[in-house]
Amino acid sequence: MRQFTIESRVQQGQLQLNNIPFADNTVVKVVVIPKVPLENLSTVAPIAPKQPFEQPRRPGALAGRLKIADDFDAPLPDSIASAFRGEQA
């Protein structure tokens, strides 16, 4: 797989990629890495290191607080089961 870098600018919402050295109808993967100062980026979700639990989890800690239906492990209806298998309904 060939890899190379092309710098381009977005103009009117369009990314122009000209003079790419591939034949017509070649499938390419484009990874866009904007060159924007970090101050201009907004945070979608904070990134923080994984914190360990203060106390280890205890099996059965929610006993009596959860209700599982009696038919929880019953076979699925055919319409739903076929969808999981990727079959058309």
PDB file of N, CA and C in Angstrom:
ATOM      1  N   MET A   1       0.848  -1.171   0.000  1.00  0.00           N
ATOM      2  CA  MET A   1       0.000   0.000   0.000  1.00  0.00           C
ATOM      3  C   MET A   1       0.898   1.240   0.000  1.00  0.00           C
ATOM      4  N   ARG A   2       0.647   2.159  -0.919  1.00  0.00           N
ATOM      5  CA  ARG A   2       1.409   3.395  -0.982  1.00  0.00           C
ATOM      6  C   ARG A   2       0.790   4.425  -0.053  1.00  0.00           C
ATOM      7  N   GLN A   3       1.630   5.151   0.635  1.00  0.00           N
ATOM      8  CA  GLN A   3       1.155   6.227   1.486  1.00  0.00           C
ATOM      9  C   GLN A   3       1.910   7.498   1.132  1.00  0.00           C
ATOM     10  N   PHE A   4       1.197   8.602   1.119  1.00  0.00           N
ATOM     11  CA  PHE A   4       1.839   9.880   0.884  1.00  0.00           C
ATOM     12  C   PHE A   4       0.987  10.966   1.500  1.00  0.00           C
ATOM     13  N   THR A   5       1.541  12.151   1.610  1.00  0.00           N
ATOM     14  CA  THR A   5       0.858  13.275   2.234  1.00  0.00           C
ATOM     15  C   THR A   5       0.599  14.359   1.196  1.00  0.00           C
ATOM     16  N   ILE A   6      -0.631  14.846   1.190  1.00  0.00           N
ATOM     17  CA  ILE A   6      -1.002  15.972   0.336  1.00  0.00           C
ATOM     18  C   ILE A   6      -1.623  17.015   1.250  1.00  0.00           C
ATOM     19  N   GLU A   7      -1.166  18.230   1.158  1.00  0.00           N
ATOM     20  CA  GLU A   7      -1.773  19.300   1.938  1.00  0.00           C
ATOM     21  C   GLU A   7      -2.785  20.022   1.059  1.00  0.00           C
ATOM     22  N   SER A   8      -3.948  20.286   1.624  1.00  0.00           N
ATOM     23  CA  SER A   8      -5.006  20.957   0.882  1.00  0.00           C
ATOM     24  C   SER A   8      -5.811  21.797   1.854  1.00  0.00           C
ATOM     25  N   ARG A   9      -6.632  22.679   1.326  1.00  0.00           N
ATOM     26  CA  ARG A   9      -7.482  23.526   2.160  1.00  0.00           C
ATOM     27  C   ARG A   9      -8.946  23.244   1.841  1.00  0.00           C
ATOM     28  N   VAL A  10      -9.779  23.384   2.855  1.00  0.00           N
ATOM     29  CA  VAL A  10     -11.221  23.283   2.660  1.00  0.00           C
ATOM     30  C   VAL A  10     -11.706  24.646   2.187  1.00  0.00           C
ATOM     31  N   GLN A  11     -12.415  24.657   1.066  1.00  0.00           N
ATOM     32  CA  GLN A  11     -12.962  25.894   0.524  1.00  0.00           C
ATOM     33  C   GLN A  11     -14.444  25.685   0.262  1.00  0.00           C
ATOM     34  N   GLN A  12     -15.267  26.525   0.864  1.00  0.00           N
ATOM     35  CA  GLN A  12     -16.719  26.446   0.740  1.00  0.00           C
ATOM     36  C   GLN A  12     -17.221  25.056   1.107  1.00  0.00           C
ATOM     37  N   GLY A  13     -16.652  24.496   2.168  1.00  0.00           N
ATOM     38  CA  GLY A  13     -17.088  23.191   2.645  1.00  0.00           C
ATOM     39  C   GLY A  13     -16.605  22.013   1.824  1.00  0.00           C
ATOM     40  N   GLN A  14     -15.766  22.249   0.829  1.00  0.00           N
ATOM     41  CA  GLN A  14     -15.276  21.189  -0.052  1.00  0.00           C
ATOM     42  C   GLN A  14     -13.779  21.004   0.138  1.00  0.00           C
ATOM     43  N   LEU A  15     -13.340  19.763   0.207  1.00  0.00           N
ATOM     44  CA  LEU A  15     -11.920  19.462   0.259  1.00  0.00           C
ATOM     45  C   LEU A  15     -11.473  19.105  -1.141  1.00  0.00           C
ATOM     46  N   GLN A  16     -10.569  19.914  -1.691  1.00  0.00           N
ATOM     47  CA  GLN A  16     -10.101  19.703  -3.054  1.00  0.00           C
ATOM     48  C   GLN A  16      -8.828  18.864  -3.038  1.00  0.00           C
ATOM     49  N   LEU A  17      -8.844  17.741  -3.708  1.00  0.00           N
ATOM     50  CA  LEU A  17      -7.662  16.891  -3.835  1.00  0.00           C
ATOM     51  C   LEU A  17      -7.346  16.767  -5.316  1.00  0.00           C
ATOM     52  N   ASN A  18      -6.357  17.505  -5.760  1.00  0.00           N
ATOM     53  CA  ASN A  18      -5.980  17.492  -7.168  1.00  0.00           C
ATOM     54  C   ASN A  18      -4.620  16.829  -7.332  1.00  0.00           C
ATOM     55  N   ASN A  19      -4.377  16.341  -8.542  1.00  0.00           N
ATOM     56  CA  ASN A  19      -3.081  15.750  -8.898  1.00  0.00           C
ATOM     57  C   ASN A  19      -2.714  14.552  -8.036  1.00  0.00           C
ATOM     58  N   ILE A  20      -3.692  13.712  -7.728  1.00  0.00           N
ATOM     59  CA  ILE A  20      -3.408  12.486  -6.983  1.00  0.00           C
ATOM     60  C   ILE A  20      -2.896  11.448  -7.981  1.00  0.00           C
ATOM     61  N   PRO A  21      -1.746  10.829  -7.704  1.00  0.00           N
ATOM     62  CA  PRO A  21      -1.131   9.933  -8.683  1.00  0.00           C
ATOM     63  C   PRO A  21      -1.733   8.528  -8.707  1.00  0.00           C
ATOM     64  N   PHE A  22      -3.017   8.411  -9.011  1.00  0.00           N
ATOM     65  CA  PHE A  22      -3.677   7.120  -9.132  1.00  0.00           C
ATOM     66  C   PHE A  22      -4.484   7.086 -10.420  1.00  0.00           C
ATOM     67  N   ALA A  23      -4.721   5.909 -10.905  1.00  0.00           N
ATOM     68  CA  ALA A  23      -5.552   5.751 -12.103  1.00  0.00           C
ATOM     69  C   ALA A  23      -7.015   6.027 -11.751  1.00  0.00           C
ATOM     70  N   ASP A  24      -7.820   6.319 -12.767  1.00  0.00           N
ATOM     71  CA  ASP A  24      -9.246   6.519 -12.556  1.00  0.00           C
ATOM     72  C   ASP A  24      -9.864   5.280 -11.920  1.00  0.00           C
ATOM     73  N   ASN A  25     -10.890   5.481 -11.125  1.00  0.00           N
ATOM     74  CA  ASN A  25     -11.648   4.426 -10.454  1.00  0.00           C
ATOM     75  C   ASN A  25     -10.843   3.656  -9.408  1.00  0.00           C
ATOM     76  N   THR A  26      -9.710   4.194  -8.983  1.00  0.00           N
ATOM     77  CA  THR A  26      -8.945   3.579  -7.899  1.00  0.00           C
ATOM     78  C   THR A  26      -9.602   3.938  -6.580  1.00  0.00           C
ATOM     79  N   VAL A  27      -9.787   2.966  -5.712  1.00  0.00           N
ATOM     80  CA  VAL A  27     -10.374   3.216  -4.398  1.00  0.00           C
ATOM     81  C   VAL A  27      -9.250   3.656  -3.465  1.00  0.00           C
ATOM     82  N   VAL A  28      -9.451   4.787  -2.789  1.00  0.00           N
ATOM     83  CA  VAL A  28      -8.448   5.296  -1.864  1.00  0.00           C
ATOM     84  C   VAL A  28      -9.105   5.571  -0.516  1.00  0.00           C
ATOM     85  N   LYS A  29      -8.305   5.542   0.518  1.00  0.00           N
ATOM     86  CA  LYS A  29      -8.755   5.880   1.866  1.00  0.00           C
ATOM     87  C   LYS A  29      -8.140   7.230   2.205  1.00  0.00           C
ATOM     88  N   VAL A  30      -8.970   8.180   2.617  1.00  0.00           N
ATOM     89  CA  VAL A  30      -8.494   9.519   2.930  1.00  0.00           C
ATOM     90  C   VAL A  30      -8.645   9.738   4.430  1.00  0.00           C
ATOM     91  N   VAL A  31      -7.554  10.112   5.085  1.00  0.00           N
ATOM     92  CA  VAL A  31      -7.568  10.453   6.503  1.00  0.00           C
ATOM     93  C   VAL A  31      -7.313  11.946   6.599  1.00  0.00           C
ATOM     94  N   VAL A  32      -8.247  12.665   7.188  1.00  0.00           N
ATOM     95  CA  VAL A  32      -8.130  14.116   7.286  1.00  0.00           C
ATOM     96  C   VAL A  32      -7.650  14.476   8.684  1.00  0.00           C
ATOM     97  N   ILE A  33      -6.533  15.173   8.752  1.00  0.00           N
ATOM     98  CA  ILE A  33      -5.989  15.639  10.026  1.00  0.00           C
ATOM     99  C   ILE A  33      -5.906  17.159   9.941  1.00  0.00           C
ATOM    100  N   PRO A  34      -6.869  17.856  10.547  1.00  0.00           N
ATOM    101  CA  PRO A  34      -6.851  19.311  10.436  1.00  0.00           C
ATOM    102  C   PRO A  34      -5.682  19.907  11.205  1.00  0.00           C
ATOM    103  N   LYS A  35      -5.084  20.937  10.611  1.00  0.00           N
ATOM    104  CA  LYS A  35      -4.009  21.661  11.283  1.00  0.00           C
ATOM    105  C   LYS A  35      -4.635  22.885  11.940  1.00  0.00           C
ATOM    106  N   VAL A  36      -5.141  22.688  13.144  1.00  0.00           N
ATOM    107  CA  VAL A  36      -5.843  23.736  13.871  1.00  0.00           C
ATOM    108  C   VAL A  36      -5.163  23.881  15.229  1.00  0.00           C
ATOM    109  N   PRO A  37      -4.937  25.111  15.689  1.00  0.00           N
ATOM    110  CA  PRO A  37      -4.382  25.270  17.032  1.00  0.00           C
ATOM    111  C   PRO A  37      -5.292  24.621  18.077  1.00  0.00           C
ATOM    112  N   LEU A  38      -4.698  23.990  19.068  1.00  0.00           N
ATOM    113  CA  LEU A  38      -5.493  23.293  20.082  1.00  0.00           C
ATOM    114  C   LEU A  38      -6.489  24.207  20.774  1.00  0.00           C
ATOM    115  N   GLU A  39      -6.176  25.498  20.871  1.00  0.00           N
ATOM    116  CA  GLU A  39      -7.093  26.428  21.533  1.00  0.00           C
ATOM    117  C   GLU A  39      -8.409  26.552  20.771  1.00  0.00           C
ATOM    118  N   ASN A  40      -8.404  26.270  19.461  1.00  0.00           N
ATOM    119  CA  ASN A  40      -9.604  26.424  18.635  1.00  0.00           C
ATOM    120  C   ASN A  40     -10.495  25.188  18.654  1.00  0.00           C
ATOM    121  N   LEU A  41     -10.043  24.114  19.278  1.00  0.00           N
ATOM    122  CA  LEU A  41     -10.836  22.889  19.321  1.00  0.00           C
ATOM    123  C   LEU A  41     -11.732  22.891  20.540  1.00  0.00           C
ATOM    124  N   SER A  42     -12.934  22.339  20.389  1.00  0.00           N
ATOM    125  CA  SER A  42     -13.823  22.220  21.537  1.00  0.00           C
ATOM    126  C   SER A  42     -13.811  20.766  22.007  1.00  0.00           C
ATOM    127  N   THR A  43     -14.009  20.570  23.280  1.00  0.00           N
ATOM    128  CA  THR A  43     -13.982  19.233  23.858  1.00  0.00           C
ATOM    129  C   THR A  43     -15.353  18.591  23.724  1.00  0.00           C
ATOM    130  N   VAL A  44     -15.385  17.412  23.128  1.00  0.00           N
ATOM    131  CA  VAL A  44     -16.630  16.658  23.036  1.00  0.00           C
ATOM    132  C   VAL A  44     -16.796  15.832  24.302  1.00  0.00           C
ATOM    133  N   ALA A  45     -15.732  15.186  24.717  1.00  0.00           N
ATOM    134  CA  ALA A  45     -15.732  14.403  25.954  1.00  0.00           C
ATOM    135  C   ALA A  45     -14.339  14.509  26.551  1.00  0.00           C
ATOM    136  N   PRO A  46     -14.268  14.665  27.849  1.00  0.00           N
ATOM    137  CA  PRO A  46     -12.947  14.764  28.455  1.00  0.00           C
ATOM    138  C   PRO A  46     -12.204  13.433  28.346  1.00  0.00           C
ATOM    139  N   ILE A  47     -10.920  13.517  28.112  1.00  0.00           N
ATOM    140  CA  ILE A  47     -10.095  12.322  28.044  1.00  0.00           C
ATOM    141  C   ILE A  47      -9.291  12.261  29.337  1.00  0.00           C
ATOM    142  N   ALA A  48      -9.461  11.178  30.057  1.00  0.00           N
ATOM    143  CA  ALA A  48      -8.771  11.030  31.330  1.00  0.00           C
ATOM    144  C   ALA A  48      -8.286   9.592  31.455  1.00  0.00           C
ATOM    145  N   PRO A  49      -7.222   9.370  32.194  1.00  0.00           N
ATOM    146  CA  PRO A  49      -6.765   7.996  32.376  1.00  0.00           C
ATOM    147  C   PRO A  49      -7.795   7.180  33.147  1.00  0.00           C
ATOM    148  N   LYS A  50      -7.806   5.892  32.877  1.00  0.00           N
ATOM    149  CA  LYS A  50      -8.729   4.988  33.556  1.00  0.00           C
ATOM    150  C   LYS A  50      -8.388   4.954  35.040  1.00  0.00           C
ATOM    151  N   GLN A  51      -9.386   5.186  35.855  1.00  0.00           N
ATOM    152  CA  GLN A  51      -9.186   5.177  37.298  1.00  0.00           C
ATOM    153  C   GLN A  51      -9.605   3.820  37.867  1.00  0.00           C
ATOM    154  N   PRO A  52      -8.819   3.265  38.759  1.00  0.00           N
ATOM    155  CA  PRO A  52      -9.219   1.989  39.362  1.00  0.00           C
ATOM    156  C   PRO A  52     -10.405   2.197  40.306  1.00  0.00           C
ATOM    157  N   PHE A  53     -11.192   1.139  40.507  1.00  0.00           N
ATOM    158  CA  PHE A  53     -12.289   1.202  41.462  1.00  0.00           C
ATOM    159  C   PHE A  53     -11.702   1.374  42.858  1.00  0.00           C
ATOM    160  N   GLU A  54     -12.392   2.150  43.693  1.00  0.00           N
ATOM    161  CA  GLU A  54     -11.906   2.310  45.063  1.00  0.00           C
ATOM    162  C   GLU A  54     -12.048   1.001  45.829  1.00  0.00           C
ATOM    163  N   GLN A  55     -13.135   0.280  45.553  1.00  0.00           N
ATOM    164  CA  GLN A  55     -13.343  -1.015  46.194  1.00  0.00           C
ATOM    165  C   GLN A  55     -13.544  -2.043  45.094  1.00  0.00           C
ATOM    166  N   PRO A  56     -13.039  -3.259  45.281  1.00  0.00           N
ATOM    167  CA  PRO A  56     -13.276  -4.277  44.260  1.00  0.00           C
ATOM    168  C   PRO A  56     -14.764  -4.610  44.177  1.00  0.00           C
ATOM    169  N   ARG A  57     -15.205  -5.013  42.981  1.00  0.00           N
ATOM    170  CA  ARG A  57     -16.616  -5.375  42.816  1.00  0.00           C
ATOM    171  C   ARG A  57     -16.911  -6.649  43.595  1.00  0.00           C
ATOM    172  N   ARG A  58     -18.113  -6.709  44.144  1.00  0.00           N
ATOM    173  CA  ARG A  58     -18.543  -7.851  44.942  1.00  0.00           C
ATOM    174  C   ARG A  58     -19.664  -8.590  44.218  1.00  0.00           C
ATOM    175  N   PRO A  59     -19.460  -9.867  43.854  1.00  0.00           N
ATOM    176  CA  PRO A  59     -20.560 -10.612  43.233  1.00  0.00           C
ATOM    177  C   PRO A  59     -21.776 -10.633  44.162  1.00  0.00           C
ATOM    178  N   GLY A  60     -22.950 -10.414  43.577  1.00  0.00           N
ATOM    179  CA  GLY A  60     -24.188 -10.440  44.352  1.00  0.00           C
ATOM    180  C   GLY A  60     -24.510  -9.135  45.035  1.00  0.00           C
ATOM    181  N   ALA A  61     -23.759  -8.079  44.757  1.00  0.00           N
ATOM    182  CA  ALA A  61     -23.990  -6.798  45.435  1.00  0.00           C
ATOM    183  C   ALA A  61     -25.370  -6.226  45.120  1.00  0.00           C
ATOM    184  N   LEU A  62     -25.949  -6.578  43.969  1.00  0.00           N
ATOM    185  CA  LEU A  62     -27.274  -6.068  43.596  1.00  0.00           C
ATOM    186  C   LEU A  62     -28.369  -7.116  43.789  1.00  0.00           C
ATOM    187  N   ALA A  63     -28.081  -8.165  44.522  1.00  0.00           N
ATOM    188  CA  ALA A  63     -29.083  -9.226  44.752  1.00  0.00           C
ATOM    189  C   ALA A  63     -30.337  -8.622  45.372  1.00  0.00           C
ATOM    190  N   GLY A  64     -31.487  -8.988  44.805  1.00  0.00           N
ATOM    191  CA  GLY A  64     -32.760  -8.493  45.296  1.00  0.00           C
ATOM    192  C   GLY A  64     -33.125  -7.120  44.767  1.00  0.00           C
ATOM    193  N   ARG A  65     -32.242  -6.466  44.043  1.00  0.00           N
ATOM    194  CA  ARG A  65     -32.517  -5.125  43.525  1.00  0.00           C
ATOM    195  C   ARG A  65     -32.779  -5.128  42.024  1.00  0.00           C
ATOM    196  N   LEU A  66     -32.522  -6.251  41.355  1.00  0.00           N
ATOM    197  CA  LEU A  66     -32.770  -6.386  39.925  1.00  0.00           C
ATOM    198  C   LEU A  66     -33.803  -7.466  39.691  1.00  0.00           C
ATOM    199  N   LYS A  67     -34.639  -7.283  38.670  1.00  0.00           N
ATOM    200  CA  LYS A  67     -35.627  -8.301  38.304  1.00  0.00           C
ATOM    201  C   LYS A  67     -35.336  -8.761  36.888  1.00  0.00           C
ATOM    202  N   ILE A  68     -35.129 -10.039  36.727  1.00  0.00           N
ATOM    203  CA  ILE A  68     -34.923 -10.627  35.409  1.00  0.00           C
ATOM    204  C   ILE A  68     -36.187 -11.403  35.070  1.00  0.00           C
ATOM    205  N   ALA A  69     -36.730 -11.146  33.888  1.00  0.00           N
ATOM    206  CA  ALA A  69     -37.981 -11.785  33.477  1.00  0.00           C
ATOM    207  C   ALA A  69     -37.824 -13.299  33.455  1.00  0.00           C
ATOM    208  N   ASP A  70     -38.918 -14.003  33.766  1.00  0.00           N
ATOM    209  CA  ASP A  70     -38.887 -15.470  33.784  1.00  0.00           C
ATOM    210  C   ASP A  70     -38.542 -16.043  32.415  1.00  0.00           C
ATOM    211  N   ASP A  71     -38.931 -15.346  31.337  1.00  0.00           N
ATOM    212  CA  ASP A  71     -38.665 -15.856  29.987  1.00  0.00           C
ATOM    213  C   ASP A  71     -37.402 -15.240  29.380  1.00  0.00           C
ATOM    214  N   PHE A  72     -36.483 -14.781  30.212  1.00  0.00           N
ATOM    215  CA  PHE A  72     -35.260 -14.130  29.749  1.00  0.00           C
ATOM    216  C   PHE A  72     -34.508 -14.964  28.716  1.00  0.00           C
ATOM    217  N   ASP A  73     -34.395 -16.247  28.938  1.00  0.00           N
ATOM    218  CA  ASP A  73     -33.632 -17.104  28.036  1.00  0.00           C
ATOM    219  C   ASP A  73     -34.520 -17.911  27.082  1.00  0.00           C
ATOM    220  N   ALA A  74     -35.770 -17.474  26.922  1.00  0.00           N
ATOM    221  CA  ALA A  74     -36.673 -18.153  25.990  1.00  0.00           C
ATOM    222  C   ALA A  74     -36.225 -17.855  24.555  1.00  0.00           C
ATOM    223  N   PRO A  75     -36.522 -18.749  23.610  1.00  0.00           N
ATOM    224  CA  PRO A  75     -36.146 -18.496  22.210  1.00  0.00           C
ATOM    225  C   PRO A  75     -36.789 -17.196  21.705  1.00  0.00           C
ATOM    226  N   LEU A  76     -36.066 -16.509  20.837  1.00  0.00           N
ATOM    227  CA  LEU A  76     -36.585 -15.278  20.243  1.00  0.00           C
ATOM    228  C   LEU A  76     -37.657 -15.594  19.210  1.00  0.00           C
ATOM    229  N   PRO A  77     -38.582 -14.670  18.971  1.00  0.00           N
ATOM    230  CA  PRO A  77     -39.520 -14.850  17.874  1.00  0.00           C
ATOM    231  C   PRO A  77     -38.752 -14.957  16.549  1.00  0.00           C
ATOM    232  N   ASP A  78     -39.287 -15.715  15.592  1.00  0.00           N
ATOM    233  CA  ASP A  78     -38.597 -15.927  14.318  1.00  0.00           C
ATOM    234  C   ASP A  78     -38.228 -14.626  13.618  1.00  0.00           C
ATOM    235  N   SER A  79     -39.090 -13.611  13.699  1.00  0.00           N
ATOM    236  CA  SER A  79     -38.795 -12.352  13.002  1.00  0.00           C
ATOM    237  C   SER A  79     -37.543 -11.681  13.563  1.00  0.00           C
ATOM    238  N   ILE A  80     -37.341 -11.762  14.861  1.00  0.00           N
ATOM    239  CA  ILE A  80     -36.163 -11.146  15.483  1.00  0.00           C
ATOM    240  C   ILE A  80     -34.927 -12.033  15.269  1.00  0.00           C
ATOM    241  N   ALA A  81     -35.086 -13.334  15.451  1.00  0.00           N
ATOM    242  CA  ALA A  81     -33.956 -14.260  15.259  1.00  0.00           C
ATOM    243  C   ALA A  81     -33.417 -14.184  13.844  1.00  0.00           C
ATOM    244  N   SER A  82     -34.305 -14.078  12.850  1.00  0.00           N
ATOM    245  CA  SER A  82     -33.842 -14.004  11.456  1.00  0.00           C
ATOM    246  C   SER A  82     -33.081 -12.706  11.190  1.00  0.00           C
ATOM    247  N   ALA A  83     -33.463 -11.627  11.863  1.00  0.00           N
ATOM    248  CA  ALA A  83     -32.745 -10.364  11.714  1.00  0.00           C
ATOM    249  C   ALA A  83     -31.324 -10.482  12.266  1.00  0.00           C
ATOM    250  N   PHE A  84     -31.153 -11.180  13.361  1.00  0.00           N
ATOM    251  CA  PHE A  84     -29.807 -11.399  13.908  1.00  0.00           C
ATOM    252  C   PHE A  84     -28.948 -12.237  12.964  1.00  0.00           C
ATOM    253  N   ARG A  85     -29.571 -13.115  12.223  1.00  0.00           N
ATOM    254  CA  ARG A  85     -28.835 -13.954  11.261  1.00  0.00           C
ATOM    255  C   ARG A  85     -28.600 -13.209   9.949  1.00  0.00           C
ATOM    256  N   GLY A  86     -29.133 -11.990   9.825  1.00  0.00           N
ATOM    257  CA  GLY A  86     -28.949 -11.207   8.602  1.00  0.00           C
ATOM    258  C   GLY A  86     -29.900 -11.590   7.497  1.00  0.00           C
ATOM    259  N   GLU A  87     -30.941 -12.296   7.829  1.00  0.00           N
ATOM    260  CA  GLU A  87     -31.927 -12.715   6.808  1.00  0.00           C
ATOM    261  C   GLU A  87     -32.983 -11.630   6.645  1.00  0.00           C
ATOM    262  N   GLN A  88     -33.506 -11.531   5.441  1.00  0.00           N
ATOM    263  CA  GLN A  88     -34.573 -10.565   5.165  1.00  0.00           C
ATOM    264  C   GLN A  88     -35.881 -11.075   5.726  1.00  0.00           C
ATOM    265  N   ALA A  89     -36.643 -10.154   6.291  1.00  0.00           N
ATOM    266  CA  ALA A  89     -37.950 -10.533   6.875  1.00  0.00           C
ATOM    267  C   ALA A  89     -39.014 -10.581   5.811  1.00  0.00           C
TER     268      ALA A  89
END
